[in-house]
Amino acid sequence: MLNLNGWRKPNQLGNDFFYFYYIPTYNFIRPAGWQPTEAKKQSIFQQNCLNANGYMCANWFLEKGNKDYLKCKDLSYTGKSKCK
C-alpha cells in the first residue's frame, strides 16, 4: 500500500491511497491494475477504477500521470486519457 499524504484526509482508495503487489517469484513490485496488454489494462481499469471503488487505479496514475478517473468516466488506455 502507498498513502501519498499519510494520515491526512481524504484517505480514499484511488485518490491518495494505492495498492501495489509484491511478486516473490520474480522479486518485483507491480502497481494494482497492471496487466500485460492494453486490452486487459482497460478491462481492469473500467471494472475496478472507473466504477469509483478506486481499487485498480495505481497503474493508471503511474502511466498516465493523472487522477482524472475521479472526474470523468470516459477515459481509456488507448484513447482519451484526460478529462480536458
C-alpha atoms as a PDB file:
ATOM      1  CA  MET A   1       0.000   0.000   0.000  1.00  0.00           C
ATOM      2  CA  LEU A   2       1.050   3.553  -0.603  1.00  0.00           C
ATOM      3  CA  ASN A   3      -0.623   6.508   1.050  1.00  0.00           C
ATOM      4  CA  LEU A   4       0.569   9.702  -0.612  1.00  0.00           C
ATOM      5  CA  ASN A   5      -0.330  12.060   2.221  1.00  0.00           C
ATOM      6  CA  GLY A   6      -0.034   9.897   5.327  1.00  0.00           C
ATOM      7  CA  TRP A   7      -2.962  10.061   7.730  1.00  0.00           C
ATOM      8  CA  ARG A   8      -4.343  13.332   6.374  1.00  0.00           C
ATOM      9  CA  LYS A   9      -7.704  13.085   4.660  1.00  0.00           C
ATOM     10  CA  PRO A  10      -9.246  12.022   2.348  1.00  0.00           C
ATOM     11  CA  ASN A  11      -7.517   8.585   2.712  1.00  0.00           C
ATOM     12  CA  GLN A  12      -9.546   7.387  -0.244  1.00  0.00           C
ATOM     13  CA  LEU A  13      -8.517   4.416  -2.360  1.00  0.00           C
ATOM     14  CA  GLY A  14      -7.567   5.664  -5.827  1.00  0.00           C
ATOM     15  CA  ASN A  15      -7.174   9.255  -4.654  1.00  0.00           C
ATOM     16  CA  ASP A  16      -4.299   9.253  -2.193  1.00  0.00           C
ATOM     17  CA  PHE A  17      -4.166   5.574  -1.264  1.00  0.00           C
ATOM     18  CA  PHE A  18      -2.947   2.943  -3.776  1.00  0.00           C
ATOM     19  CA  TYR A  19      -2.247  -0.790  -3.768  1.00  0.00           C
ATOM     20  CA  PHE A  20       0.923  -2.410  -5.057  1.00  0.00           C
ATOM     21  CA  TYR A  21       1.681  -6.124  -5.177  1.00  0.00           C
ATOM     22  CA  TYR A  22       4.954  -7.865  -4.453  1.00  0.00           C
ATOM     23  CA  ILE A  23       5.557 -10.841  -6.745  1.00  0.00           C
ATOM     24  CA  PRO A  24       8.084 -13.013  -4.868  1.00  0.00           C
ATOM     25  CA  THR A  25       8.627 -15.451  -7.749  1.00  0.00           C
ATOM     26  CA  TYR A  26      10.124 -12.669  -9.847  1.00  0.00           C
ATOM     27  CA  ASN A  27      11.172 -10.388  -6.965  1.00  0.00           C
ATOM     28  CA  PHE A  28       9.396  -7.262  -8.165  1.00  0.00           C
ATOM     29  CA  ILE A  29       6.506  -4.973  -7.323  1.00  0.00           C
ATOM     30  CA  ARG A  30       3.558  -4.258  -9.622  1.00  0.00           C
ATOM     31  CA  PRO A  31       1.025  -1.457  -9.242  1.00  0.00           C
ATOM     32  CA  ALA A  32      -2.569  -2.588  -8.866  1.00  0.00           C
ATOM     33  CA  GLY A  33      -4.145  -2.535 -12.301  1.00  0.00           C
ATOM     34  CA  TRP A  34      -1.039  -3.562 -14.217  1.00  0.00           C
ATOM     35  CA  GLN A  35      -1.727  -6.074 -16.963  1.00  0.00           C
ATOM     36  CA  PRO A  36       0.446  -7.352 -19.840  1.00  0.00           C
ATOM     37  CA  THR A  37      -1.774  -5.950 -22.613  1.00  0.00           C
ATOM     38  CA  GLU A  38      -3.602  -2.680 -23.180  1.00  0.00           C
ATOM     39  CA  ALA A  39      -6.897  -4.558 -23.590  1.00  0.00           C
ATOM     40  CA  LYS A  40      -6.527  -6.251 -20.207  1.00  0.00           C
ATOM     41  CA  LYS A  41      -5.463  -2.967 -18.587  1.00  0.00           C
ATOM     42  CA  GLN A  42      -8.568  -1.300 -19.996  1.00  0.00           C
ATOM     43  CA  SER A  43     -10.852  -4.063 -18.780  1.00  0.00           C
ATOM     44  CA  ILE A  44      -9.453  -3.951 -15.233  1.00  0.00           C
ATOM     45  CA  PHE A  45      -9.494  -0.139 -15.284  1.00  0.00           C
ATOM     46  CA  GLN A  46     -13.158   0.026 -16.303  1.00  0.00           C
ATOM     47  CA  GLN A  47     -14.291  -2.626 -13.847  1.00  0.00           C
ATOM     48  CA  ASN A  48     -12.300  -1.563 -10.806  1.00  0.00           C
ATOM     49  CA  CYS A  49     -11.143   2.036 -11.113  1.00  0.00           C
ATOM     50  CA  LEU A  50     -13.782   3.875 -13.110  1.00  0.00           C
ATOM     51  CA  ASN A  51     -16.606   2.345 -11.091  1.00  0.00           C
ATOM     52  CA  ALA A  52     -15.480   4.586  -8.200  1.00  0.00           C
ATOM     53  CA  ASN A  53     -14.065   1.963  -5.862  1.00  0.00           C
ATOM     54  CA  GLY A  54     -10.506   3.006  -6.742  1.00  0.00           C
ATOM     55  CA  TYR A  55      -9.036  -0.454  -6.291  1.00  0.00           C
ATOM     56  CA  MET A  56      -7.037  -0.802  -9.504  1.00  0.00           C
ATOM     57  CA  CYS A  57      -6.042   2.824 -10.154  1.00  0.00           C
ATOM     58  CA  ALA A  58      -2.325   2.722  -9.252  1.00  0.00           C
ATOM     59  CA  ASN A  59      -1.159   1.660 -12.713  1.00  0.00           C
ATOM     60  CA  TRP A  60      -3.192   4.394 -14.430  1.00  0.00           C
ATOM     61  CA  PHE A  61      -1.837   7.002 -12.018  1.00  0.00           C
ATOM     62  CA  LEU A  62       1.752   5.939 -12.735  1.00  0.00           C
ATOM     63  CA  GLU A  63       1.373   5.534 -16.511  1.00  0.00           C
ATOM     64  CA  LYS A  64      -0.885   8.478 -17.295  1.00  0.00           C
ATOM     65  CA  GLY A  65       0.245  10.824 -14.511  1.00  0.00           C
ATOM     66  CA  ASN A  66      -3.234  11.955 -13.537  1.00  0.00           C
ATOM     67  CA  LYS A  67      -6.241  11.092 -11.417  1.00  0.00           C
ATOM     68  CA  ASP A  68      -8.807  12.258 -13.962  1.00  0.00           C
ATOM     69  CA  TYR A  69     -10.700   8.991 -13.422  1.00  0.00           C
ATOM     70  CA  LEU A  70     -12.059  10.714 -10.315  1.00  0.00           C
ATOM     71  CA  LYS A  71     -13.748  13.357 -12.521  1.00  0.00           C
ATOM     72  CA  CYS A  72     -14.777  11.677 -15.771  1.00  0.00           C
ATOM     73  CA  LYS A  73     -15.757   8.149 -16.688  1.00  0.00           C
ATOM     74  CA  ASP A  74     -14.991   8.043 -20.423  1.00  0.00           C
ATOM     75  CA  LEU A  75     -11.223   7.512 -20.158  1.00  0.00           C
ATOM     76  CA  SER A  76      -9.288   4.795 -21.932  1.00  0.00           C
ATOM     77  CA  TYR A  77      -5.764   3.382 -22.029  1.00  0.00           C
ATOM     78  CA  THR A  78      -5.751   3.621 -25.821  1.00  0.00           C
ATOM     79  CA  GLY A  79      -7.878   6.740 -26.257  1.00  0.00           C
ATOM     80  CA  LYS A  80      -8.863   9.673 -24.098  1.00  0.00           C
ATOM     81  CA  SER A  81      -6.572   9.822 -21.066  1.00  0.00           C
ATOM     82  CA  LYS A  82      -7.535  13.253 -19.641  1.00  0.00           C
ATOM     83  CA  CYS A  83     -10.831  14.965 -18.946  1.00  0.00           C
ATOM     84  CA  LYS A  84      -9.869  18.096 -20.884  1.00  0.00           C
END
